[in-house]
Every structure is written in structure tokens, then in C-alpha cells.
Amino acid sequence: MRIIADHHHHGQYFLSRASITPPQKLISLVFPKADRDYANLSRNGDYEPSLSGRGFLNLMKHLRTVFLQDSVLFRDYHPDHPNFAHILFQHSLYTRFAAEVKTAYENPVIPYNE
């Protein structure tokens, strides 16, 4: 499966774009209510505390980073897609982040010996 996905190295696969972490302010612009809902869940606020609710919101918080990392390359492949007209992709933080991701993608530094 790894070879089909273009990961020809033995062991774990490496995605250079995953080595670039977006700024927290940019992350907070994706699924912006996830942090508030997590806080309400933890404080017994508007939602009944549950393991599944906490797990779902943790997943949403994690996927914000993955979404931003993957969006840079998707945007290059599909620049005219209507989703990329969203104000998030016009933000100055996104522009800087996208440049970092592209640099890491074009010049990968594999963190283990081949």
C-alpha cells in the first residue's frame, strides 16, 4: 500500500508537508467553534460530558492542522475550486504557511537514514 501511495522507503512513511505546523491563529480559523465546544464539554457547559464527544472534538482539532497542510497542495492542483475562494485562503498567515509547506515539499529532508 505504501508503494502505491508513492512511499518507497522501508519503515514509516514521511510527508514533508506534515513537518510544517501552521500558526495557532491560522489553525483557530478552521472549525472555529471546536475550541469553544471542547471547553463547554469539559466544563459541563452546554453539552453533556462524554468520551465520544471529547474524542470527536479532539479529532476535529487534529484535522484542522491536517486540512491546512493538505490544502496547500490541493490548491495547486485545483486552483479554481470554489472552496479556495474562502477568506481563509486569502489570509496573510495562510500565504506564509503555504510558502513554507511548498518549500518543504519541494526540498524534502527525510529524517532517517535511507
PDB file of N, CA and C in Angstrom:
ATOM      1  N   MET A   1       0.826  -1.181   0.000  1.00  0.00           N
ATOM      2  CA  MET A   1       0.000   0.000   0.000  1.00  0.00           C
ATOM      3  C   MET A   1       0.880   1.257   0.000  1.00  0.00           C
ATOM      4  N   ARG A   2       1.989   1.218   0.738  1.00  0.00           N
ATOM      5  CA  ARG A   2       2.864   2.390   0.782  1.00  0.00           C
ATOM      6  C   ARG A   2       3.466   2.706  -0.581  1.00  0.00           C
ATOM      7  N   ILE A   3       3.837   1.684  -1.328  1.00  0.00           N
ATOM      8  CA  ILE A   3       4.439   1.907  -2.648  1.00  0.00           C
ATOM      9  C   ILE A   3       3.419   2.538  -3.591  1.00  0.00           C
ATOM     10  N   ILE A   4       2.169   2.091  -3.522  1.00  0.00           N
ATOM     11  CA  ILE A   4       1.116   2.676  -4.356  1.00  0.00           C
ATOM     12  C   ILE A   4       0.926   4.146  -4.001  1.00  0.00           C
ATOM     13  N   ALA A   5       1.074   4.477  -2.730  1.00  0.00           N
ATOM     14  CA  ALA A   5       0.932   5.867  -2.277  1.00  0.00           C
ATOM     15  C   ALA A   5       2.225   6.660  -2.481  1.00  0.00           C
ATOM     16  N   ASP A   6       3.208   6.061  -3.165  1.00  0.00           N
ATOM     17  CA  ASP A   6       4.469   6.715  -3.513  1.00  0.00           C
ATOM     18  C   ASP A   6       5.411   6.890  -2.329  1.00  0.00           C
ATOM     19  N   HIS A   7       5.353   5.972  -1.354  1.00  0.00           N
ATOM     20  CA  HIS A   7       6.289   5.946  -0.235  1.00  0.00           C
ATOM     21  C   HIS A   7       7.150   4.704  -0.410  1.00  0.00           C
ATOM     22  N   HIS A   8       8.313   4.884  -1.025  1.00  0.00           N
ATOM     23  CA  HIS A   8       9.135   3.735  -1.387  1.00  0.00           C
ATOM     24  C   HIS A   8      10.121   3.314  -0.310  1.00  0.00           C
ATOM     25  N   HIS A   9      10.191   4.036   0.782  1.00  0.00           N
ATOM     26  CA  HIS A   9      11.148   3.705   1.831  1.00  0.00           C
ATOM     27  C   HIS A   9      10.567   2.636   2.748  1.00  0.00           C
ATOM     28  N   HIS A  10      11.455   1.833   3.301  1.00  0.00           N
ATOM     29  CA  HIS A  10      11.021   0.838   4.279  1.00  0.00           C
ATOM     30  C   HIS A  10      10.740   1.550   5.602  1.00  0.00           C
ATOM     31  N   GLY A  11       9.949   0.941   6.436  1.00  0.00           N
ATOM     32  CA  GLY A  11       9.627   1.571   7.715  1.00  0.00           C
ATOM     33  C   GLY A  11       8.478   2.535   7.569  1.00  0.00           C
ATOM     34  N   GLN A  12       8.511   3.599   8.339  1.00  0.00           N
ATOM     35  CA  GLN A  12       7.418   4.557   8.327  1.00  0.00           C
ATOM     36  C   GLN A  12       7.520   5.483   7.125  1.00  0.00           C
ATOM     37  N   TYR A  13       6.374   5.940   6.642  1.00  0.00           N
ATOM     38  CA  TYR A  13       6.374   6.885   5.532  1.00  0.00           C
ATOM     39  C   TYR A  13       6.580   8.288   6.063  1.00  0.00           C
ATOM     40  N   PHE A  14       6.989   9.155   5.181  1.00  0.00           N
ATOM     41  CA  PHE A  14       7.308  10.522   5.568  1.00  0.00           C
ATOM     42  C   PHE A  14       6.615  11.491   4.618  1.00  0.00           C
ATOM     43  N   LEU A  15       5.895  12.451   5.169  1.00  0.00           N
ATOM     44  CA  LEU A  15       5.271  13.510   4.389  1.00  0.00           C
ATOM     45  C   LEU A  15       5.934  14.816   4.787  1.00  0.00           C
ATOM     46  N   SER A  16       6.647  15.411   3.851  1.00  0.00           N
ATOM     47  CA  SER A  16       7.385  16.630   4.178  1.00  0.00           C
ATOM     48  C   SER A  16       6.459  17.766   4.612  1.00  0.00           C
ATOM     49  N   ARG A  17       5.249  17.819   4.043  1.00  0.00           N
ATOM     50  CA  ARG A  17       4.345  18.905   4.410  1.00  0.00           C
ATOM     51  C   ARG A  17       3.864  18.781   5.854  1.00  0.00           C
ATOM     52  N   ALA A  18       3.902  17.567   6.402  1.00  0.00           N
ATOM     53  CA  ALA A  18       3.472  17.368   7.781  1.00  0.00           C
ATOM     54  C   ALA A  18       4.507  17.886   8.785  1.00  0.00           C
ATOM     55  N   SER A  19       5.706  18.189   8.314  1.00  0.00           N
ATOM     56  CA  SER A  19       6.733  18.703   9.222  1.00  0.00           C
ATOM     57  C   SER A  19       6.553  20.195   9.493  1.00  0.00           C
ATOM     58  N   ILE A  20       5.666  20.855   8.751  1.00  0.00           N
ATOM     59  CA  ILE A  20       5.403  22.279   8.936  1.00  0.00           C
ATOM     60  C   ILE A  20       4.090  22.438   9.706  1.00  0.00           C
ATOM     61  N   THR A  21       4.180  23.017  10.880  1.00  0.00           N
ATOM     62  CA  THR A  21       2.992  23.231  11.708  1.00  0.00           C
ATOM     63  C   THR A  21       2.466  24.640  11.469  1.00  0.00           C
ATOM     64  N   PRO A  22       1.168  24.752  11.164  1.00  0.00           N
ATOM     65  CA  PRO A  22       0.606  26.086  10.945  1.00  0.00           C
ATOM     66  C   PRO A  22       0.582  26.900  12.242  1.00  0.00           C
ATOM     67  N   PRO A  23       0.596  28.222  12.137  1.00  0.00           N
ATOM     68  CA  PRO A  23       0.475  29.057  13.340  1.00  0.00           C
ATOM     69  C   PRO A  23      -0.870  28.810  14.031  1.00  0.00           C
ATOM     70  N   GLN A  24      -0.869  28.906  15.341  1.00  0.00           N
ATOM     71  CA  GLN A  24      -2.083  28.627  16.114  1.00  0.00           C
ATOM     72  C   GLN A  24      -3.237  29.527  15.700  1.00  0.00           C
ATOM     73  N   LYS A  25      -2.942  30.772  15.377  1.00  0.00           N
ATOM     74  CA  LYS A  25      -4.002  31.692  14.958  1.00  0.00           C
ATOM     75  C   LYS A  25      -4.659  31.221  13.661  1.00  0.00           C
ATOM     76  N   LEU A  26      -3.861  30.680  12.742  1.00  0.00           N
ATOM     77  CA  LEU A  26      -4.404  30.142  11.493  1.00  0.00           C
ATOM     78  C   LEU A  26      -5.221  28.880  11.763  1.00  0.00           C
ATOM     79  N   ILE A  27      -4.725  28.024  12.630  1.00  0.00           N
ATOM     80  CA  ILE A  27      -5.452  26.800  12.995  1.00  0.00           C
ATOM     81  C   ILE A  27      -6.820  27.151  13.563  1.00  0.00           C
ATOM     82  N   SER A  28      -6.868  28.189  14.379  1.00  0.00           N
ATOM     83  CA  SER A  28      -8.135  28.557  15.024  1.00  0.00           C
ATOM     84  C   SER A  28      -9.180  29.075  14.031  1.00  0.00           C
ATOM     85  N   LEU A  29      -8.767  29.411  12.812  1.00  0.00           N
ATOM     86  CA  LEU A  29      -9.719  29.869  11.792  1.00  0.00           C
ATOM     87  C   LEU A  29     -10.446  28.705  11.109  1.00  0.00           C
ATOM     88  N   VAL A  30      -9.935  27.487  11.282  1.00  0.00           N
ATOM     89  CA  VAL A  30     -10.566  26.297  10.711  1.00  0.00           C
ATOM     90  C   VAL A  30     -11.393  25.651  11.819  1.00  0.00           C
ATOM     91  N   PHE A  31     -12.639  25.333  11.550  1.00  0.00           N
ATOM     92  CA  PHE A  31     -13.570  24.824  12.566  1.00  0.00           C
ATOM     93  C   PHE A  31     -13.473  25.689  13.819  1.00  0.00           C
ATOM     94  N   PRO A  32     -13.774  26.978  13.705  1.00  0.00           N
ATOM     95  CA  PRO A  32     -13.526  27.912  14.805  1.00  0.00           C
ATOM     96  C   PRO A  32     -14.289  27.613  16.087  1.00  0.00           C
ATOM     97  N   LYS A  33     -15.366  26.904  16.014  1.00  0.00           N
ATOM     98  CA  LYS A  33     -16.138  26.631  17.229  1.00  0.00           C
ATOM     99  C   LYS A  33     -15.672  25.382  17.964  1.00  0.00           C
ATOM    100  N   ALA A  34     -14.715  24.661  17.430  1.00  0.00           N
ATOM    101  CA  ALA A  34     -14.250  23.416  18.062  1.00  0.00           C
ATOM    102  C   ALA A  34     -13.652  23.685  19.437  1.00  0.00           C
ATOM    103  N   ASP A  35     -12.852  24.736  19.567  1.00  0.00           N
ATOM    104  CA  ASP A  35     -12.248  25.051  20.869  1.00  0.00           C
ATOM    105  C   ASP A  35     -13.306  25.432  21.896  1.00  0.00           C
ATOM    106  N   ARG A  36     -14.268  26.248  21.481  1.00  0.00           N
ATOM    107  CA  ARG A  36     -15.346  26.660  22.389  1.00  0.00           C
ATOM    108  C   ARG A  36     -16.168  25.458  22.829  1.00  0.00           C
ATOM    109  N   ASP A  37     -16.509  24.598  21.865  1.00  0.00           N
ATOM    110  CA  ASP A  37     -17.308  23.422  22.198  1.00  0.00           C
ATOM    111  C   ASP A  37     -16.543  22.475  23.114  1.00  0.00           C
ATOM    112  N   TYR A  38     -15.236  22.338  22.889  1.00  0.00           N
ATOM    113  CA  TYR A  38     -14.436  21.478  23.758  1.00  0.00           C
ATOM    114  C   TYR A  38     -14.410  22.037  25.177  1.00  0.00           C
ATOM    115  N   ALA A  39     -14.269  23.353  25.297  1.00  0.00           N
ATOM    116  CA  ALA A  39     -14.273  23.977  26.621  1.00  0.00           C
ATOM    117  C   ALA A  39     -15.628  23.790  27.302  1.00  0.00           C
ATOM    118  N   ASN A  40     -16.721  23.930  26.551  1.00  0.00           N
ATOM    119  CA  ASN A  40     -18.055  23.727  27.123  1.00  0.00           C
ATOM    120  C   ASN A  40     -18.263  22.284  27.548  1.00  0.00           C
ATOM    121  N   LEU A  41     -17.700  21.368  26.792  1.00  0.00           N
ATOM    122  CA  LEU A  41     -17.821  19.946  27.126  1.00  0.00           C
ATOM    123  C   LEU A  41     -17.033  19.638  28.393  1.00  0.00           C
ATOM    124  N   SER A  42     -15.870  20.241  28.525  1.00  0.00           N
ATOM    125  CA  SER A  42     -15.010  19.978  29.675  1.00  0.00           C
ATOM    126  C   SER A  42     -15.533  20.628  30.954  1.00  0.00           C
ATOM    127  N   ARG A  43     -16.231  21.761  30.822  1.00  0.00           N
ATOM    128  CA  ARG A  43     -16.719  22.490  31.999  1.00  0.00           C
ATOM    129  C   ARG A  43     -18.154  22.137  32.352  1.00  0.00           C
ATOM    130  N   ASN A  44     -18.691  21.117  31.751  1.00  0.00           N
ATOM    131  CA  ASN A  44     -20.102  20.789  31.946  1.00  0.00           C
ATOM    132  C   ASN A  44     -20.970  21.968  31.540  1.00  0.00           C
ATOM    133  N   GLY A  45     -20.621  22.592  30.437  1.00  0.00           N
ATOM    134  CA  GLY A  45     -21.358  23.746  29.948  1.00  0.00           C
ATOM    135  C   GLY A  45     -22.609  23.329  29.207  1.00  0.00           C
ATOM    136  N   ASP A  46     -22.677  23.661  27.931  1.00  0.00           N
ATOM    137  CA  ASP A  46     -23.872  23.408  27.128  1.00  0.00           C
ATOM    138  C   ASP A  46     -24.068  21.940  26.769  1.00  0.00           C
ATOM    139  N   TYR A  47     -23.004  21.154  26.864  1.00  0.00           N
ATOM    140  CA  TYR A  47     -23.071  19.770  26.406  1.00  0.00           C
ATOM    141  C   TYR A  47     -22.826  18.804  27.549  1.00  0.00           C
ATOM    142  N   GLU A  48     -23.447  17.655  27.441  1.00  0.00           N
ATOM    143  CA  GLU A  48     -23.219  16.605  28.435  1.00  0.00           C
ATOM    144  C   GLU A  48     -21.845  15.996  28.184  1.00  0.00           C
ATOM    145  N   PRO A  49     -20.990  15.937  29.208  1.00  0.00           N
ATOM    146  CA  PRO A  49     -19.651  15.369  29.008  1.00  0.00           C
ATOM    147  C   PRO A  49     -19.735  13.897  28.603  1.00  0.00           C
ATOM    148  N   SER A  50     -18.958  13.525  27.603  1.00  0.00           N
ATOM    149  CA  SER A  50     -18.910  12.128  27.191  1.00  0.00           C
ATOM    150  C   SER A  50     -17.573  11.850  26.542  1.00  0.00           C
ATOM    151  N   LEU A  51     -17.161  10.605  26.601  1.00  0.00           N
ATOM    152  CA  LEU A  51     -15.909  10.191  25.998  1.00  0.00           C
ATOM    153  C   LEU A  51     -15.963  10.354  24.480  1.00  0.00           C
ATOM    154  N   SER A  52     -17.092  10.006  23.883  1.00  0.00           N
ATOM    155  CA  SER A  52     -17.200  10.111  22.424  1.00  0.00           C
ATOM    156  C   SER A  52     -17.211  11.573  21.977  1.00  0.00           C
ATOM    157  N   GLY A  53     -17.871  12.443  22.717  1.00  0.00           N
ATOM    158  CA  GLY A  53     -17.889  13.859  22.372  1.00  0.00           C
ATOM    159  C   GLY A  53     -16.499  14.465  22.459  1.00  0.00           C
ATOM    160  N   ARG A  54     -15.790  14.132  23.528  1.00  0.00           N
ATOM    161  CA  ARG A  54     -14.424  14.635  23.703  1.00  0.00           C
ATOM    162  C   ARG A  54     -13.518  14.088  22.596  1.00  0.00           C
ATOM    163  N   GLY A  55     -13.674  12.795  22.277  1.00  0.00           N
ATOM    164  CA  GLY A  55     -12.870  12.188  21.215  1.00  0.00           C
ATOM    165  C   GLY A  55     -13.143  12.825  19.861  1.00  0.00           C
ATOM    166  N   PHE A  56     -14.420  13.089  19.565  1.00  0.00           N
ATOM    167  CA  PHE A  56     -14.771  13.713  18.291  1.00  0.00           C
ATOM    168  C   PHE A  56     -14.163  15.110  18.181  1.00  0.00           C
ATOM    169  N   LEU A  57     -14.270  15.896  19.246  1.00  0.00           N
ATOM    170  CA  LEU A  57     -13.723  17.253  19.201  1.00  0.00           C
ATOM    171  C   LEU A  57     -12.196  17.241  19.135  1.00  0.00           C
ATOM    172  N   ASN A  58     -11.549  16.267  19.778  1.00  0.00           N
ATOM    173  CA  ASN A  58     -10.097  16.128  19.635  1.00  0.00           C
ATOM    174  C   ASN A  58      -9.731  15.808  18.192  1.00  0.00           C
ATOM    175  N   LEU A  59     -10.524  14.951  17.550  1.00  0.00           N
ATOM    176  CA  LEU A  59     -10.295  14.631  16.146  1.00  0.00           C
ATOM    177  C   LEU A  59     -10.453  15.878  15.284  1.00  0.00           C
ATOM    178  N   MET A  60     -11.498  16.652  15.520  1.00  0.00           N
ATOM    179  CA  MET A  60     -11.724  17.874  14.753  1.00  0.00           C
ATOM    180  C   MET A  60     -10.556  18.841  14.934  1.00  0.00           C
ATOM    181  N   LYS A  61     -10.060  18.950  16.151  1.00  0.00           N
ATOM    182  CA  LYS A  61      -8.934  19.843  16.408  1.00  0.00           C
ATOM    183  C   LYS A  61      -7.684  19.362  15.676  1.00  0.00           C
ATOM    184  N   HIS A  62      -7.467  18.056  15.625  1.00  0.00           N
ATOM    185  CA  HIS A  62      -6.316  17.497  14.899  1.00  0.00           C
ATOM    186  C   HIS A  62      -6.466  17.690  13.396  1.00  0.00           C
ATOM    187  N   LEU A  63      -7.674  17.486  12.885  1.00  0.00           N
ATOM    188  CA  LEU A  63      -7.901  17.580  11.442  1.00  0.00           C
ATOM    189  C   LEU A  63      -7.738  19.002  10.913  1.00  0.00           C
ATOM    190  N   ARG A  64      -7.842  19.992  11.775  1.00  0.00           N
ATOM    191  CA  ARG A  64      -7.604  21.370  11.320  1.00  0.00           C
ATOM    192  C   ARG A  64      -6.190  21.510  10.766  1.00  0.00           C
ATOM    193  N   THR A  65      -5.216  20.956  11.485  1.00  0.00           N
ATOM    194  CA  THR A  65      -3.827  21.027  11.046  1.00  0.00           C
ATOM    195  C   THR A  65      -3.628  20.238   9.761  1.00  0.00           C
ATOM    196  N   VAL A  66      -4.166  19.026   9.722  1.00  0.00           N
ATOM    197  CA  VAL A  66      -4.032  18.181   8.529  1.00  0.00           C
ATOM    198  C   VAL A  66      -4.681  18.861   7.326  1.00  0.00           C
ATOM    199  N   PHE A  67      -5.845  19.443   7.529  1.00  0.00           N
ATOM    200  CA  PHE A  67      -6.542  20.145   6.457  1.00  0.00           C
ATOM    201  C   PHE A  67      -5.684  21.270   5.888  1.00  0.00           C
ATOM    202  N   LEU A  68      -5.100  22.072   6.760  1.00  0.00           N
ATOM    203  CA  LEU A  68      -4.277  23.186   6.299  1.00  0.00           C
ATOM    204  C   LEU A  68      -3.045  22.683   5.544  1.00  0.00           C
ATOM    205  N   GLN A  69      -2.396  21.650   6.071  1.00  0.00           N
ATOM    206  CA  GLN A  69      -1.208  21.110   5.411  1.00  0.00           C
ATOM    207  C   GLN A  69      -1.543  20.563   4.025  1.00  0.00           C
ATOM    208  N   ASP A  70      -2.626  19.825   3.921  1.00  0.00           N
ATOM    209  CA  ASP A  70      -3.002  19.227   2.637  1.00  0.00           C
ATOM    210  C   ASP A  70      -3.571  20.256   1.664  1.00  0.00           C
ATOM    211  N   SER A  71      -4.199  21.291   2.188  1.00  0.00           N
ATOM    212  CA  SER A  71      -4.845  22.272   1.314  1.00  0.00           C
ATOM    213  C   SER A  71      -3.857  22.991   0.407  1.00  0.00           C
ATOM    214  N   VAL A  72      -2.623  23.124   0.854  1.00  0.00           N
ATOM    215  CA  VAL A  72      -1.624  23.840   0.052  1.00  0.00           C
ATOM    216  C   VAL A  72      -1.415  23.137  -1.282  1.00  0.00           C
ATOM    217  N   LEU A  73      -1.230  21.815  -1.239  1.00  0.00           N
ATOM    218  CA  LEU A  73      -1.005  21.074  -2.481  1.00  0.00           C
ATOM    219  C   LEU A  73      -2.292  20.902  -3.278  1.00  0.00           C
ATOM    220  N   PHE A  74      -3.405  20.703  -2.596  1.00  0.00           N
ATOM    221  CA  PHE A  74      -4.689  20.607  -3.307  1.00  0.00           C
ATOM    222  C   PHE A  74      -4.980  21.900  -4.061  1.00  0.00           C
ATOM    223  N   ARG A  75      -4.638  23.002  -3.452  1.00  0.00           N
ATOM    224  CA  ARG A  75      -4.877  24.303  -4.091  1.00  0.00           C
ATOM    225  C   ARG A  75      -4.047  24.443  -5.367  1.00  0.00           C
ATOM    226  N   ASP A  76      -2.845  23.906  -5.360  1.00  0.00           N
ATOM    227  CA  ASP A  76      -2.021  23.926  -6.574  1.00  0.00           C
ATOM    228  C   ASP A  76      -2.622  23.067  -7.683  1.00  0.00           C
ATOM    229  N   TYR A  77      -3.208  21.926  -7.307  1.00  0.00           N
ATOM    230  CA  TYR A  77      -3.800  21.021  -8.296  1.00  0.00           C
ATOM    231  C   TYR A  77      -5.156  21.522  -8.806  1.00  0.00           C
ATOM    232  N   HIS A  78      -5.899  22.200  -7.952  1.00  0.00           N
ATOM    233  CA  HIS A  78      -7.248  22.662  -8.298  1.00  0.00           C
ATOM    234  C   HIS A  78      -7.413  24.137  -7.916  1.00  0.00           C
ATOM    235  N   PRO A  79      -6.675  25.040  -8.559  1.00  0.00           N
ATOM    236  CA  PRO A  79      -6.701  26.452  -8.139  1.00  0.00           C
ATOM    237  C   PRO A  79      -8.046  27.136  -8.328  1.00  0.00           C
ATOM    238  N   ASP A  80      -8.876  26.628  -9.225  1.00  0.00           N
ATOM    239  CA  ASP A  80     -10.164  27.269  -9.493  1.00  0.00           C
ATOM    240  C   ASP A  80     -11.316  26.688  -8.680  1.00  0.00           C
ATOM    241  N   HIS A  81     -11.005  25.762  -7.777  1.00  0.00           N
ATOM    242  CA  HIS A  81     -12.078  25.164  -6.971  1.00  0.00           C
ATOM    243  C   HIS A  81     -12.707  26.248  -6.095  1.00  0.00           C
ATOM    244  N   PRO A  82     -14.037  26.281  -6.025  1.00  0.00           N
ATOM    245  CA  PRO A  82     -14.719  27.348  -5.267  1.00  0.00           C
ATOM    246  C   PRO A  82     -14.346  27.404  -3.783  1.00  0.00           C
ATOM    247  N   ASN A  83     -13.958  26.282  -3.183  1.00  0.00           N
ATOM    248  CA  ASN A  83     -13.581  26.307  -1.764  1.00  0.00           C
ATOM    249  C   ASN A  83     -12.393  27.223  -1.508  1.00  0.00           C
ATOM    250  N   PHE A  84     -11.501  27.331  -2.494  1.00  0.00           N
ATOM    251  CA  PHE A  84     -10.305  28.142  -2.292  1.00  0.00           C
ATOM    252  C   PHE A  84     -10.565  29.637  -2.452  1.00  0.00           C
ATOM    253  N   ALA A  85     -11.801  30.013  -2.703  1.00  0.00           N
ATOM    254  CA  ALA A  85     -12.178  31.420  -2.712  1.00  0.00           C
ATOM    255  C   ALA A  85     -12.508  31.903  -1.289  1.00  0.00           C
ATOM    256  N   HIS A  86     -12.571  30.977  -0.338  1.00  0.00           N
ATOM    257  CA  HIS A  86     -12.874  31.326   1.047  1.00  0.00           C
ATOM    258  C   HIS A  86     -11.817  32.281   1.591  1.00  0.00           C
ATOM    259  N   ILE A  87     -12.228  33.150   2.471  1.00  0.00           N
ATOM    260  CA  ILE A  87     -11.336  34.174   3.022  1.00  0.00           C
ATOM    261  C   ILE A  87     -10.132  33.571   3.755  1.00  0.00           C
ATOM    262  N   LEU A  88     -10.266  32.369   4.285  1.00  0.00           N
ATOM    263  CA  LEU A  88      -9.161  31.691   4.967  1.00  0.00           C
ATOM    264  C   LEU A  88      -7.932  31.608   4.069  1.00  0.00           C
ATOM    265  N   PHE A  89      -8.165  31.304   2.792  1.00  0.00           N
ATOM    266  CA  PHE A  89      -7.052  31.100   1.866  1.00  0.00           C
ATOM    267  C   PHE A  89      -6.475  32.417   1.338  1.00  0.00           C
ATOM    268  N   GLN A  90      -7.071  33.549   1.723  1.00  0.00           N
ATOM    269  CA  GLN A  90      -6.553  34.856   1.355  1.00  0.00           C
ATOM    270  C   GLN A  90      -5.784  35.488   2.520  1.00  0.00           C
ATOM    271  N   HIS A  91      -5.845  34.848   3.673  1.00  0.00           N
ATOM    272  CA  HIS A  91      -5.233  35.391   4.893  1.00  0.00           C
ATOM    273  C   HIS A  91      -3.709  35.418   4.755  1.00  0.00           C
ATOM    274  N   SER A  92      -3.084  36.449   5.299  1.00  0.00           N
ATOM    275  CA  SER A  92      -1.619  36.575   5.200  1.00  0.00           C
ATOM    276  C   SER A  92      -0.895  35.428   5.910  1.00  0.00           C
ATOM    277  N   LEU A  93      -1.454  34.943   7.008  1.00  0.00           N
ATOM    278  CA  LEU A  93      -0.843  33.793   7.695  1.00  0.00           C
ATOM    279  C   LEU A  93      -0.859  32.552   6.814  1.00  0.00           C
ATOM    280  N   TYR A  94      -1.948  32.376   6.068  1.00  0.00           N
ATOM    281  CA  TYR A  94      -2.026  31.218   5.168  1.00  0.00           C
ATOM    282  C   TYR A  94      -1.009  31.355   4.043  1.00  0.00           C
ATOM    283  N   THR A  95      -0.843  32.541   3.524  1.00  0.00           N
ATOM    284  CA  THR A  95       0.112  32.756   2.434  1.00  0.00           C
ATOM    285  C   THR A  95       1.521  32.390   2.872  1.00  0.00           C
ATOM    286  N   ARG A  96       1.914  32.830   4.059  1.00  0.00           N
ATOM    287  CA  ARG A  96       3.251  32.485   4.581  1.00  0.00           C
ATOM    288  C   ARG A  96       3.368  30.999   4.856  1.00  0.00           C
ATOM    289  N   PHE A  97       2.321  30.422   5.461  1.00  0.00           N
ATOM    290  CA  PHE A  97       2.328  28.992   5.751  1.00  0.00           C
ATOM    291  C   PHE A  97       2.433  28.179   4.464  1.00  0.00           C
ATOM    292  N   ALA A  98       1.676  28.562   3.436  1.00  0.00           N
ATOM    293  CA  ALA A  98       1.696  27.850   2.159  1.00  0.00           C
ATOM    294  C   ALA A  98       3.092  27.892   1.539  1.00  0.00           C
ATOM    295  N   ALA A  99       3.769  29.010   1.646  1.00  0.00           N
ATOM    296  CA  ALA A  99       5.131  29.114   1.105  1.00  0.00           C
ATOM    297  C   ALA A  99       6.077  28.165   1.836  1.00  0.00           C
ATOM    298  N   GLU A 100       5.931  28.051   3.155  1.00  0.00           N
ATOM    299  CA  GLU A 100       6.767  27.124   3.931  1.00  0.00           C
ATOM    300  C   GLU A 100       6.492  25.677   3.538  1.00  0.00           C
ATOM    301  N   VAL A 101       5.220  25.334   3.376  1.00  0.00           N
ATOM    302  CA  VAL A 101       4.854  23.968   3.006  1.00  0.00           C
ATOM    303  C   VAL A 101       5.397  23.626   1.620  1.00  0.00           C
ATOM    304  N   LYS A 102       5.275  24.546   0.677  1.00  0.00           N
ATOM    305  CA  LYS A 102       5.783  24.296  -0.678  1.00  0.00           C
ATOM    306  C   LYS A 102       7.292  24.100  -0.662  1.00  0.00           C
ATOM    307  N   THR A 103       7.990  24.888   0.133  1.00  0.00           N
ATOM    308  CA  THR A 103       9.443  24.734   0.239  1.00  0.00           C
ATOM    309  C   THR A 103       9.793  23.366   0.815  1.00  0.00           C
ATOM    310  N   ALA A 104       9.099  22.954   1.856  1.00  0.00           N
ATOM    311  CA  ALA A 104       9.355  21.644   2.462  1.00  0.00           C
ATOM    312  C   ALA A 104       9.018  20.518   1.490  1.00  0.00           C
ATOM    313  N   TYR A 105       7.963  20.688   0.714  1.00  0.00           N
ATOM    314  CA  TYR A 105       7.550  19.674  -0.253  1.00  0.00           C
ATOM    315  C   TYR A 105       8.562  19.549  -1.395  1.00  0.00           C
ATOM    316  N   GLU A 106       9.061  20.671  -1.862  1.00  0.00           N
ATOM    317  CA  GLU A 106       9.994  20.661  -2.990  1.00  0.00           C
ATOM    318  C   GLU A 106      11.409  20.275  -2.577  1.00  0.00           C
ATOM    319  N   ASN A 107      11.751  20.438  -1.308  1.00  0.00           N
ATOM    320  CA  ASN A 107      13.094  20.120  -0.793  1.00  0.00           C
ATOM    321  C   ASN A 107      12.983  19.236   0.443  1.00  0.00           C
ATOM    322  N   PRO A 108      12.472  18.009   0.284  1.00  0.00           N
ATOM    323  CA  PRO A 108      12.257  17.169   1.462  1.00  0.00           C
ATOM    324  C   PRO A 108      13.571  16.767   2.143  1.00  0.00           C
ATOM    325  N   VAL A 109      13.543  16.793   3.446  1.00  0.00           N
ATOM    326  CA  VAL A 109      14.657  16.310   4.244  1.00  0.00           C
ATOM    327  C   VAL A 109      14.128  15.130   5.030  1.00  0.00           C
ATOM    328  N   ILE A 110      14.455  13.929   4.580  1.00  0.00           N
ATOM    329  CA  ILE A 110      13.942  12.715   5.226  1.00  0.00           C
ATOM    330  C   ILE A 110      14.686  12.546   6.551  1.00  0.00           C
ATOM    331  N   PRO A 111      13.969  12.433   7.661  1.00  0.00           N
ATOM    332  CA  PRO A 111      14.579  12.468   8.981  1.00  0.00           C
ATOM    333  C   PRO A 111      15.189  11.140   9.455  1.00  0.00           C
ATOM    334  N   TYR A 112      15.494  10.254   8.556  1.00  0.00           N
ATOM    335  CA  TYR A 112      16.117   8.981   8.943  1.00  0.00           C
ATOM    336  C   TYR A 112      17.049   8.546   7.816  1.00  0.00           C
ATOM    337  N   ASN A 113      17.925   7.621   8.152  1.00  0.00           N
ATOM    338  CA  ASN A 113      18.877   7.137   7.148  1.00  0.00           C
ATOM    339  C   ASN A 113      18.183   6.257   6.144  1.00  0.00           C
ATOM    340  N   GLU A 114      18.520   6.455   4.880  1.00  0.00           N
ATOM    341  CA  GLU A 114      17.963   5.593   3.849  1.00  0.00           C
ATOM    342  C   GLU A 114      18.759   4.311   3.842  1.00  0.00           C
TER     343      GLU A 114
END
